[in-house]
Amino acid sequence: MFQDVFVPDANVLPNGKGLKAPLGCLTQARFGIAFGVVGAAMACFETATEYAKRRIMFGKPIGSYQLVQEQLAWMLTEIVKAQLLSIQCGRMKEAGTCGPEQVSMAKRNNCEIALEIARRARDILGANGITSEYPVMRHMCNLESVKTYEGTHNIHTLVLGEAITGLAAYR
């Protein structure tokens, strides 16, 4: 799903010793995932927005109701924040200042936010949110797996915790 986003770095594996080389590959993959999940979140948001404009309830579009507008505003805000986190991580990567901790933060945050956006989009679509007519459930299932592979939310939490405190909680 996100393989098009991953651009391998030719310097990751040559002369790698121990776990540093494969962990470097994981960091590269996680970086791509941090960007890729934002696309899934955007697709869910756009689906929910269009649906909210077209779905009529009590004589008017559901998008005219405050609760739906609040959900859409929350989704868009989180998408923009995830985009900014990814862009900043990319800028740091280009400058050579992006470490595994920053990539863990981006993957951890963006996977969690994208999954929550998919859930909220599904909620706006109501029963239609679980049908194959709309892409929300497909994205949600993919996001559930992406959240798990390349390091779970909890593992990235521990990576960040160690970076913050200097104390490893998993050793």
N, C-alpha and C. Protein backbone atom coordinates (compact mmCIF):
# COMPACT_ATOMS: atom_id res chain seq x y z
N MET A 1 0.81 -1.20 0.00
CA MET A 1 0.00 0.00 0.00
C MET A 1 0.86 1.26 0.00
N PHE A 2 1.93 1.29 0.77
CA PHE A 2 2.73 2.49 0.87
C PHE A 2 4.12 2.32 0.26
N GLN A 3 4.32 1.27 -0.53
CA GLN A 3 5.64 1.02 -1.08
C GLN A 3 6.10 2.12 -2.03
N ASP A 4 5.18 2.85 -2.67
CA ASP A 4 5.56 3.92 -3.57
C ASP A 4 6.17 5.09 -2.81
N VAL A 5 5.87 5.22 -1.53
CA VAL A 5 6.37 6.33 -0.74
C VAL A 5 7.81 6.07 -0.29
N PHE A 6 8.17 4.82 -0.10
CA PHE A 6 9.49 4.45 0.42
C PHE A 6 10.54 4.61 -0.66
N VAL A 7 11.53 5.44 -0.39
CA VAL A 7 12.65 5.61 -1.30
C VAL A 7 13.88 5.10 -0.56
N PRO A 8 14.44 3.95 -0.99
CA PRO A 8 15.57 3.39 -0.26
C PRO A 8 16.80 4.30 -0.32
N ASP A 9 17.51 4.36 0.77
CA ASP A 9 18.75 5.12 0.87
C ASP A 9 19.89 4.15 0.60
N ALA A 10 20.69 4.46 -0.39
CA ALA A 10 21.77 3.56 -0.80
C ALA A 10 22.80 3.36 0.31
N ASN A 11 22.84 4.24 1.29
CA ASN A 11 23.84 4.16 2.36
C ASN A 11 23.35 3.40 3.59
N VAL A 12 22.16 2.83 3.55
CA VAL A 12 21.61 2.18 4.73
C VAL A 12 22.33 0.87 5.05
N LEU A 13 22.53 0.01 4.08
CA LEU A 13 23.07 -1.32 4.37
C LEU A 13 24.58 -1.50 4.14
N PRO A 14 25.22 -0.80 3.22
CA PRO A 14 26.65 -1.08 2.99
C PRO A 14 27.47 -0.98 4.27
N ASN A 15 28.23 -2.01 4.49
CA ASN A 15 29.13 -2.08 5.65
C ASN A 15 28.41 -1.96 6.99
N GLY A 16 27.13 -2.28 7.01
CA GLY A 16 26.37 -2.23 8.25
C GLY A 16 26.82 -3.32 9.20
N LYS A 17 26.89 -2.99 10.47
CA LYS A 17 27.31 -3.96 11.48
C LYS A 17 26.20 -4.13 12.50
N GLY A 18 25.96 -5.38 12.87
CA GLY A 18 24.96 -5.66 13.89
C GLY A 18 23.56 -5.28 13.45
N LEU A 19 22.77 -4.80 14.40
CA LEU A 19 21.38 -4.45 14.12
C LEU A 19 21.22 -3.06 13.50
N LYS A 20 22.30 -2.30 13.43
CA LYS A 20 22.19 -0.93 12.92
C LYS A 20 21.66 -0.90 11.49
N ALA A 21 22.11 -1.77 10.63
CA ALA A 21 21.67 -1.76 9.23
C ALA A 21 20.19 -2.11 9.08
N PRO A 22 19.72 -3.23 9.66
CA PRO A 22 18.29 -3.52 9.51
C PRO A 22 17.40 -2.50 10.22
N LEU A 23 17.86 -1.97 11.36
CA LEU A 23 17.06 -0.95 12.04
C LEU A 23 17.01 0.33 11.22
N GLY A 24 18.08 0.61 10.48
CA GLY A 24 18.08 1.75 9.57
C GLY A 24 17.05 1.57 8.47
N CYS A 25 16.90 0.33 7.98
CA CYS A 25 15.87 0.04 6.98
C CYS A 25 14.48 0.25 7.56
N LEU A 26 14.29 -0.19 8.80
CA LEU A 26 13.00 0.02 9.46
C LEU A 26 12.69 1.50 9.60
N THR A 27 13.69 2.28 9.95
CA THR A 27 13.47 3.72 10.09
C THR A 27 13.04 4.32 8.75
N GLN A 28 13.67 3.88 7.66
CA GLN A 28 13.29 4.36 6.32
C GLN A 28 11.84 3.99 6.01
N ALA A 29 11.46 2.76 6.31
CA ALA A 29 10.09 2.31 6.03
C ALA A 29 9.09 3.07 6.89
N ARG A 30 9.43 3.29 8.14
CA ARG A 30 8.54 4.03 9.04
C ARG A 30 8.33 5.46 8.56
N PHE A 31 9.38 6.04 8.03
CA PHE A 31 9.30 7.40 7.48
C PHE A 31 8.27 7.43 6.34
N GLY A 32 8.33 6.45 5.46
CA GLY A 32 7.36 6.37 4.36
C GLY A 32 5.94 6.16 4.85
N ILE A 33 5.80 5.34 5.88
CA ILE A 33 4.47 5.08 6.44
C ILE A 33 3.89 6.37 7.03
N ALA A 34 4.72 7.15 7.70
CA ALA A 34 4.24 8.40 8.31
C ALA A 34 3.59 9.30 7.26
N PHE A 35 4.16 9.30 6.05
CA PHE A 35 3.57 10.09 4.96
C PHE A 35 2.34 9.38 4.38
N GLY A 36 2.46 8.09 4.15
CA GLY A 36 1.41 7.35 3.45
C GLY A 36 0.08 7.33 4.17
N VAL A 37 0.10 7.22 5.47
CA VAL A 37 -1.17 7.15 6.21
C VAL A 37 -1.93 8.46 6.14
N VAL A 38 -1.23 9.55 5.90
CA VAL A 38 -1.91 10.84 5.75
C VAL A 38 -2.81 10.81 4.51
N GLY A 39 -2.36 10.14 3.47
CA GLY A 39 -3.19 10.00 2.27
C GLY A 39 -4.47 9.23 2.55
N ALA A 40 -4.38 8.17 3.33
CA ALA A 40 -5.59 7.41 3.70
C ALA A 40 -6.52 8.28 4.53
N ALA A 41 -5.95 9.05 5.45
CA ALA A 41 -6.77 9.95 6.27
C ALA A 41 -7.47 10.98 5.40
N MET A 42 -6.77 11.51 4.42
CA MET A 42 -7.36 12.50 3.52
C MET A 42 -8.51 11.89 2.72
N ALA A 43 -8.34 10.66 2.26
CA ALA A 43 -9.40 9.99 1.49
C ALA A 43 -10.64 9.79 2.36
N CYS A 44 -10.45 9.41 3.61
CA CYS A 44 -11.59 9.23 4.52
C CYS A 44 -12.27 10.56 4.80
N PHE A 45 -11.48 11.59 5.03
CA PHE A 45 -12.03 12.93 5.27
C PHE A 45 -12.83 13.41 4.06
N GLU A 46 -12.26 13.28 2.88
CA GLU A 46 -12.95 13.74 1.67
C GLU A 46 -14.24 12.96 1.44
N THR A 47 -14.21 11.66 1.70
CA THR A 47 -15.42 10.85 1.56
C THR A 47 -16.50 11.32 2.53
N ALA A 48 -16.11 11.53 3.79
CA ALA A 48 -17.07 11.97 4.80
C ALA A 48 -17.62 13.36 4.47
N THR A 49 -16.77 14.25 3.97
CA THR A 49 -17.20 15.60 3.63
C THR A 49 -18.23 15.58 2.51
N GLU A 50 -17.93 14.84 1.45
CA GLU A 50 -18.86 14.77 0.32
C GLU A 50 -20.18 14.11 0.73
N TYR A 51 -20.07 13.06 1.53
CA TYR A 51 -21.27 12.38 2.01
C TYR A 51 -22.13 13.33 2.86
N ALA A 52 -21.48 14.09 3.73
CA ALA A 52 -22.20 15.01 4.62
C ALA A 52 -22.92 16.11 3.83
N LYS A 53 -22.38 16.46 2.69
CA LYS A 53 -23.03 17.47 1.85
C LYS A 53 -24.24 16.91 1.11
N ARG A 54 -24.22 15.61 0.78
CA ARG A 54 -25.28 14.99 -0.02
C ARG A 54 -26.36 14.29 0.81
N ARG A 55 -26.02 13.77 1.97
CA ARG A 55 -26.96 12.98 2.76
C ARG A 55 -27.97 13.90 3.44
N ILE A 56 -29.21 13.74 3.08
CA ILE A 56 -30.28 14.57 3.63
C ILE A 56 -30.93 13.85 4.81
N MET A 57 -31.06 14.58 5.92
CA MET A 57 -31.71 14.07 7.11
C MET A 57 -32.55 15.22 7.69
N PHE A 58 -33.81 14.93 7.95
CA PHE A 58 -34.74 15.94 8.46
C PHE A 58 -34.79 17.17 7.56
N GLY A 59 -34.70 16.92 6.26
CA GLY A 59 -34.88 17.99 5.27
C GLY A 59 -33.66 18.81 4.93
N LYS A 60 -32.50 18.47 5.47
CA LYS A 60 -31.28 19.21 5.12
C LYS A 60 -30.06 18.31 5.20
N PRO A 61 -28.97 18.70 4.55
CA PRO A 61 -27.76 17.86 4.57
C PRO A 61 -27.23 17.69 6.00
N ILE A 62 -26.73 16.49 6.30
CA ILE A 62 -26.20 16.27 7.65
C ILE A 62 -24.99 17.15 7.92
N GLY A 63 -24.34 17.61 6.87
CA GLY A 63 -23.21 18.52 7.02
C GLY A 63 -23.59 19.86 7.60
N SER A 64 -24.88 20.16 7.65
CA SER A 64 -25.33 21.43 8.22
C SER A 64 -25.51 21.34 9.74
N TYR A 65 -25.32 20.14 10.29
CA TYR A 65 -25.49 19.97 11.75
C TYR A 65 -24.14 20.20 12.45
N GLN A 66 -24.22 20.79 13.64
CA GLN A 66 -23.02 21.17 14.38
C GLN A 66 -22.11 19.99 14.69
N LEU A 67 -22.67 18.86 15.09
CA LEU A 67 -21.82 17.73 15.46
C LEU A 67 -21.02 17.21 14.26
N VAL A 68 -21.63 17.19 13.10
CA VAL A 68 -20.92 16.73 11.90
C VAL A 68 -19.84 17.75 11.53
N GLN A 69 -20.17 19.03 11.60
CA GLN A 69 -19.16 20.05 11.29
C GLN A 69 -17.98 20.00 12.26
N GLU A 70 -18.28 19.72 13.53
CA GLU A 70 -17.19 19.60 14.50
C GLU A 70 -16.28 18.44 14.15
N GLN A 71 -16.85 17.32 13.75
CA GLN A 71 -16.05 16.15 13.37
C GLN A 71 -15.17 16.47 12.16
N LEU A 72 -15.75 17.12 11.16
CA LEU A 72 -14.99 17.47 9.96
C LEU A 72 -13.88 18.47 10.27
N ALA A 73 -14.18 19.45 11.12
CA ALA A 73 -13.15 20.42 11.51
C ALA A 73 -12.01 19.74 12.26
N TRP A 74 -12.35 18.80 13.15
CA TRP A 74 -11.32 18.07 13.89
C TRP A 74 -10.45 17.26 12.92
N MET A 75 -11.11 16.55 11.99
CA MET A 75 -10.36 15.72 11.03
C MET A 75 -9.38 16.57 10.22
N LEU A 76 -9.87 17.68 9.67
CA LEU A 76 -9.01 18.51 8.83
C LEU A 76 -7.83 19.07 9.63
N THR A 77 -8.09 19.50 10.84
CA THR A 77 -7.01 20.02 11.69
C THR A 77 -5.94 18.95 11.93
N GLU A 78 -6.36 17.74 12.24
CA GLU A 78 -5.40 16.66 12.51
C GLU A 78 -4.64 16.26 11.24
N ILE A 79 -5.30 16.30 10.10
CA ILE A 79 -4.62 16.00 8.84
C ILE A 79 -3.51 17.03 8.59
N VAL A 80 -3.82 18.30 8.76
CA VAL A 80 -2.82 19.34 8.54
C VAL A 80 -1.65 19.18 9.52
N LYS A 81 -1.95 18.89 10.78
CA LYS A 81 -0.87 18.68 11.76
C LYS A 81 -0.01 17.48 11.38
N ALA A 82 -0.63 16.40 10.91
CA ALA A 82 0.14 15.23 10.48
C ALA A 82 1.00 15.55 9.26
N GLN A 83 0.45 16.33 8.34
CA GLN A 83 1.24 16.75 7.17
C GLN A 83 2.45 17.57 7.61
N LEU A 84 2.23 18.50 8.53
CA LEU A 84 3.33 19.33 9.00
C LEU A 84 4.40 18.51 9.72
N LEU A 85 3.98 17.55 10.51
CA LEU A 85 4.94 16.67 11.19
C LEU A 85 5.76 15.89 10.17
N SER A 86 5.11 15.38 9.15
CA SER A 86 5.81 14.63 8.10
C SER A 86 6.78 15.51 7.32
N ILE A 87 6.32 16.70 6.98
CA ILE A 87 7.18 17.63 6.24
C ILE A 87 8.40 18.01 7.06
N GLN A 88 8.18 18.32 8.33
CA GLN A 88 9.32 18.68 9.19
C GLN A 88 10.29 17.51 9.32
N CYS A 89 9.76 16.31 9.47
CA CYS A 89 10.61 15.13 9.55
C CYS A 89 11.42 14.99 8.25
N GLY A 90 10.79 15.22 7.13
CA GLY A 90 11.49 15.16 5.84
C GLY A 90 12.57 16.21 5.72
N ARG A 91 12.28 17.41 6.18
CA ARG A 91 13.29 18.47 6.16
C ARG A 91 14.49 18.11 7.04
N MET A 92 14.19 17.57 8.22
CA MET A 92 15.27 17.15 9.12
C MET A 92 16.07 16.01 8.49
N LYS A 93 15.39 15.11 7.79
CA LYS A 93 16.07 14.00 7.13
C LYS A 93 17.03 14.53 6.08
N GLU A 94 16.56 15.48 5.29
CA GLU A 94 17.42 16.08 4.28
C GLU A 94 18.63 16.77 4.90
N ALA A 95 18.45 17.36 6.07
CA ALA A 95 19.54 18.06 6.76
C ALA A 95 20.43 17.11 7.55
N GLY A 96 20.04 15.83 7.61
CA GLY A 96 20.82 14.85 8.36
C GLY A 96 20.62 14.93 9.86
N THR A 97 19.54 15.55 10.30
CA THR A 97 19.29 15.71 11.74
C THR A 97 18.08 14.90 12.23
N CYS A 98 17.52 14.08 11.37
CA CYS A 98 16.34 13.29 11.74
C CYS A 98 16.79 11.91 12.21
N GLY A 99 16.56 11.63 13.47
CA GLY A 99 16.92 10.34 14.02
C GLY A 99 15.71 9.41 14.09
N PRO A 100 15.93 8.19 14.53
CA PRO A 100 14.83 7.24 14.66
C PRO A 100 13.72 7.74 15.59
N GLU A 101 14.08 8.55 16.57
CA GLU A 101 13.09 9.06 17.51
C GLU A 101 12.08 9.97 16.81
N GLN A 102 12.57 10.84 15.92
CA GLN A 102 11.67 11.73 15.20
C GLN A 102 10.77 10.93 14.25
N VAL A 103 11.35 9.91 13.61
CA VAL A 103 10.56 9.07 12.72
C VAL A 103 9.52 8.29 13.52
N SER A 104 9.90 7.80 14.69
CA SER A 104 8.94 7.10 15.56
C SER A 104 7.79 8.02 15.94
N MET A 105 8.10 9.27 16.25
CA MET A 105 7.05 10.22 16.61
C MET A 105 6.08 10.41 15.44
N ALA A 106 6.62 10.59 14.24
CA ALA A 106 5.77 10.81 13.07
C ALA A 106 4.91 9.57 12.78
N LYS A 107 5.51 8.39 12.81
CA LYS A 107 4.75 7.17 12.52
C LYS A 107 3.69 6.95 13.60
N ARG A 108 4.07 7.11 14.84
CA ARG A 108 3.15 6.90 15.97
C ARG A 108 1.96 7.85 15.87
N ASN A 109 2.24 9.12 15.71
CA ASN A 109 1.18 10.12 15.65
C ASN A 109 0.30 9.94 14.41
N ASN A 110 0.91 9.82 13.26
CA ASN A 110 0.14 9.83 12.03
C ASN A 110 -0.70 8.57 11.86
N CYS A 111 -0.20 7.43 12.29
CA CYS A 111 -1.02 6.21 12.24
C CYS A 111 -2.23 6.34 13.17
N GLU A 112 -1.99 6.83 14.37
CA GLU A 112 -3.08 6.98 15.33
C GLU A 112 -4.13 7.96 14.83
N ILE A 113 -3.70 9.08 14.32
CA ILE A 113 -4.62 10.10 13.83
C ILE A 113 -5.38 9.60 12.60
N ALA A 114 -4.69 8.97 11.68
CA ALA A 114 -5.36 8.46 10.47
C ALA A 114 -6.43 7.44 10.83
N LEU A 115 -6.13 6.58 11.77
CA LEU A 115 -7.11 5.58 12.19
C LEU A 115 -8.31 6.24 12.86
N GLU A 116 -8.08 7.23 13.67
CA GLU A 116 -9.19 7.94 14.31
C GLU A 116 -10.03 8.70 13.28
N ILE A 117 -9.38 9.26 12.28
CA ILE A 117 -10.12 9.94 11.21
C ILE A 117 -10.98 8.94 10.46
N ALA A 118 -10.45 7.76 10.18
CA ALA A 118 -11.24 6.72 9.50
C ALA A 118 -12.46 6.34 10.35
N ARG A 119 -12.26 6.22 11.64
CA ARG A 119 -13.38 5.87 12.54
C ARG A 119 -14.45 6.96 12.54
N ARG A 120 -14.01 8.21 12.58
CA ARG A 120 -14.97 9.31 12.59
C ARG A 120 -15.67 9.44 11.24
N ALA A 121 -14.95 9.17 10.17
CA ALA A 121 -15.57 9.19 8.84
C ALA A 121 -16.63 8.09 8.75
N ARG A 122 -16.29 6.92 9.26
CA ARG A 122 -17.26 5.82 9.28
C ARG A 122 -18.50 6.21 10.06
N ASP A 123 -18.32 6.91 11.15
CA ASP A 123 -19.43 7.35 11.97
C ASP A 123 -20.32 8.34 11.21
N ILE A 124 -19.73 9.27 10.49
CA ILE A 124 -20.51 10.24 9.70
C ILE A 124 -21.31 9.52 8.63
N LEU A 125 -20.74 8.49 8.02
CA LEU A 125 -21.44 7.75 6.98
C LEU A 125 -22.52 6.82 7.55
N GLY A 126 -22.56 6.66 8.85
CA GLY A 126 -23.55 5.78 9.46
C GLY A 126 -23.38 4.35 8.96
N ALA A 127 -24.50 3.69 8.67
CA ALA A 127 -24.45 2.31 8.19
C ALA A 127 -23.72 2.20 6.87
N ASN A 128 -23.73 3.25 6.06
CA ASN A 128 -23.00 3.23 4.79
C ASN A 128 -21.48 3.18 5.02
N GLY A 129 -21.05 3.55 6.19
CA GLY A 129 -19.62 3.55 6.49
C GLY A 129 -18.97 2.19 6.52
N ILE A 130 -19.79 1.13 6.60
CA ILE A 130 -19.21 -0.21 6.64
C ILE A 130 -19.42 -0.96 5.32
N THR A 131 -19.98 -0.30 4.34
CA THR A 131 -20.21 -0.96 3.04
C THR A 131 -19.01 -0.76 2.13
N SER A 132 -18.93 -1.58 1.11
CA SER A 132 -17.84 -1.45 0.14
C SER A 132 -18.11 -0.35 -0.87
N GLU A 133 -19.27 0.27 -0.78
CA GLU A 133 -19.61 1.39 -1.68
C GLU A 133 -18.69 2.59 -1.43
N TYR A 134 -18.20 2.71 -0.20
CA TYR A 134 -17.32 3.81 0.20
C TYR A 134 -15.99 3.21 0.68
N PRO A 135 -14.88 3.94 0.51
CA PRO A 135 -13.56 3.37 0.82
C PRO A 135 -13.15 3.40 2.29
N VAL A 136 -14.01 3.89 3.16
CA VAL A 136 -13.60 4.13 4.55
C VAL A 136 -13.19 2.86 5.28
N MET A 137 -13.98 1.80 5.19
CA MET A 137 -13.63 0.55 5.91
C MET A 137 -12.36 -0.09 5.35
N ARG A 138 -12.17 0.01 4.05
CA ARG A 138 -10.94 -0.52 3.45
C ARG A 138 -9.73 0.21 4.02
N HIS A 139 -9.82 1.53 4.06
CA HIS A 139 -8.73 2.31 4.65
C HIS A 139 -8.55 1.98 6.13
N MET A 140 -9.66 1.82 6.84
CA MET A 140 -9.57 1.52 8.26
C MET A 140 -8.85 0.19 8.49
N CYS A 141 -9.19 -0.81 7.73
CA CYS A 141 -8.52 -2.12 7.87
C CYS A 141 -7.04 -2.01 7.55
N ASN A 142 -6.70 -1.30 6.48
CA ASN A 142 -5.30 -1.11 6.13
C ASN A 142 -4.57 -0.34 7.23
N LEU A 143 -5.21 0.68 7.77
CA LEU A 143 -4.57 1.47 8.83
C LEU A 143 -4.36 0.66 10.10
N GLU A 144 -5.28 -0.23 10.40
CA GLU A 144 -5.09 -1.10 11.57
C GLU A 144 -3.82 -1.94 11.41
N SER A 145 -3.60 -2.46 10.21
CA SER A 145 -2.39 -3.27 10.01
C SER A 145 -1.14 -2.40 10.00
N VAL A 146 -1.22 -1.22 9.39
CA VAL A 146 -0.06 -0.33 9.34
C VAL A 146 0.32 0.14 10.74
N LYS A 147 -0.68 0.35 11.58
CA LYS A 147 -0.40 0.76 12.96
C LYS A 147 0.41 -0.32 13.68
N THR A 148 0.18 -1.57 13.31
CA THR A 148 0.84 -2.69 13.98
C THR A 148 2.23 -2.99 13.41
N TYR A 149 2.35 -3.06 12.09
CA TYR A 149 3.67 -3.43 11.57
C TYR A 149 4.61 -2.24 11.54
N GLU A 150 5.89 -2.52 11.42
CA GLU A 150 6.96 -1.53 11.49
C GLU A 150 7.02 -0.87 12.88
N GLY A 151 6.52 -1.56 13.88
CA GLY A 151 6.55 -1.05 15.24
C GLY A 151 5.19 -0.53 15.66
N THR A 152 4.67 -1.05 16.73
CA THR A 152 3.35 -0.65 17.19
C THR A 152 3.40 0.72 17.88
N HIS A 153 2.24 1.26 18.13
CA HIS A 153 2.11 2.54 18.83
C HIS A 153 2.87 2.48 20.17
N ASN A 154 2.72 1.38 20.88
CA ASN A 154 3.38 1.26 22.19
C ASN A 154 4.89 1.21 22.07
N ILE A 155 5.40 0.52 21.06
CA ILE A 155 6.86 0.46 20.87
C ILE A 155 7.40 1.86 20.58
N HIS A 156 6.71 2.60 19.73
CA HIS A 156 7.17 3.96 19.42
C HIS A 156 7.05 4.87 20.64
N THR A 157 6.10 4.60 21.49
CA THR A 157 5.99 5.34 22.76
C THR A 157 7.23 5.10 23.60
N LEU A 158 7.69 3.85 23.66
CA LEU A 158 8.90 3.53 24.43
C LEU A 158 10.15 4.16 23.81
N VAL A 159 10.22 4.20 22.49
CA VAL A 159 11.35 4.85 21.82
C VAL A 159 11.38 6.33 22.20
N LEU A 160 10.22 6.96 22.15
CA LEU A 160 10.15 8.38 22.52
C LEU A 160 10.44 8.58 24.01
N GLY A 161 9.93 7.70 24.84
CA GLY A 161 10.18 7.81 26.27
C GLY A 161 11.67 7.75 26.59
N GLU A 162 12.37 6.84 25.92
CA GLU A 162 13.82 6.75 26.13
C GLU A 162 14.52 8.01 25.64
N ALA A 163 14.08 8.54 24.49
CA ALA A 163 14.70 9.76 23.96
C ALA A 163 14.48 10.94 24.91
N ILE A 164 13.33 10.97 25.55
CA ILE A 164 13.00 12.07 26.46
C ILE A 164 13.76 11.95 27.77
N THR A 165 13.78 10.74 28.35
CA THR A 165 14.34 10.56 29.69
C THR A 165 15.77 10.05 29.71
N GLY A 166 16.20 9.43 28.60
CA GLY A 166 17.50 8.79 28.59
C GLY A 166 17.47 7.44 29.26
N LEU A 167 16.28 6.95 29.64
CA LEU A 167 16.12 5.68 30.34
C LEU A 167 15.30 4.73 29.49
N ALA A 168 15.87 3.56 29.18
CA ALA A 168 15.18 2.57 28.37
C ALA A 168 14.23 1.76 29.25
N ALA A 169 12.97 1.73 28.86
CA ALA A 169 11.96 0.98 29.62
C ALA A 169 11.83 -0.46 29.14
N TYR A 170 12.51 -0.82 28.08
CA TYR A 170 12.35 -2.15 27.48
C TYR A 170 13.61 -2.99 27.60
N ARG A 171 14.57 -2.59 28.35
CA ARG A 171 15.80 -3.38 28.48
C ARG A 171 15.87 -4.01 29.84
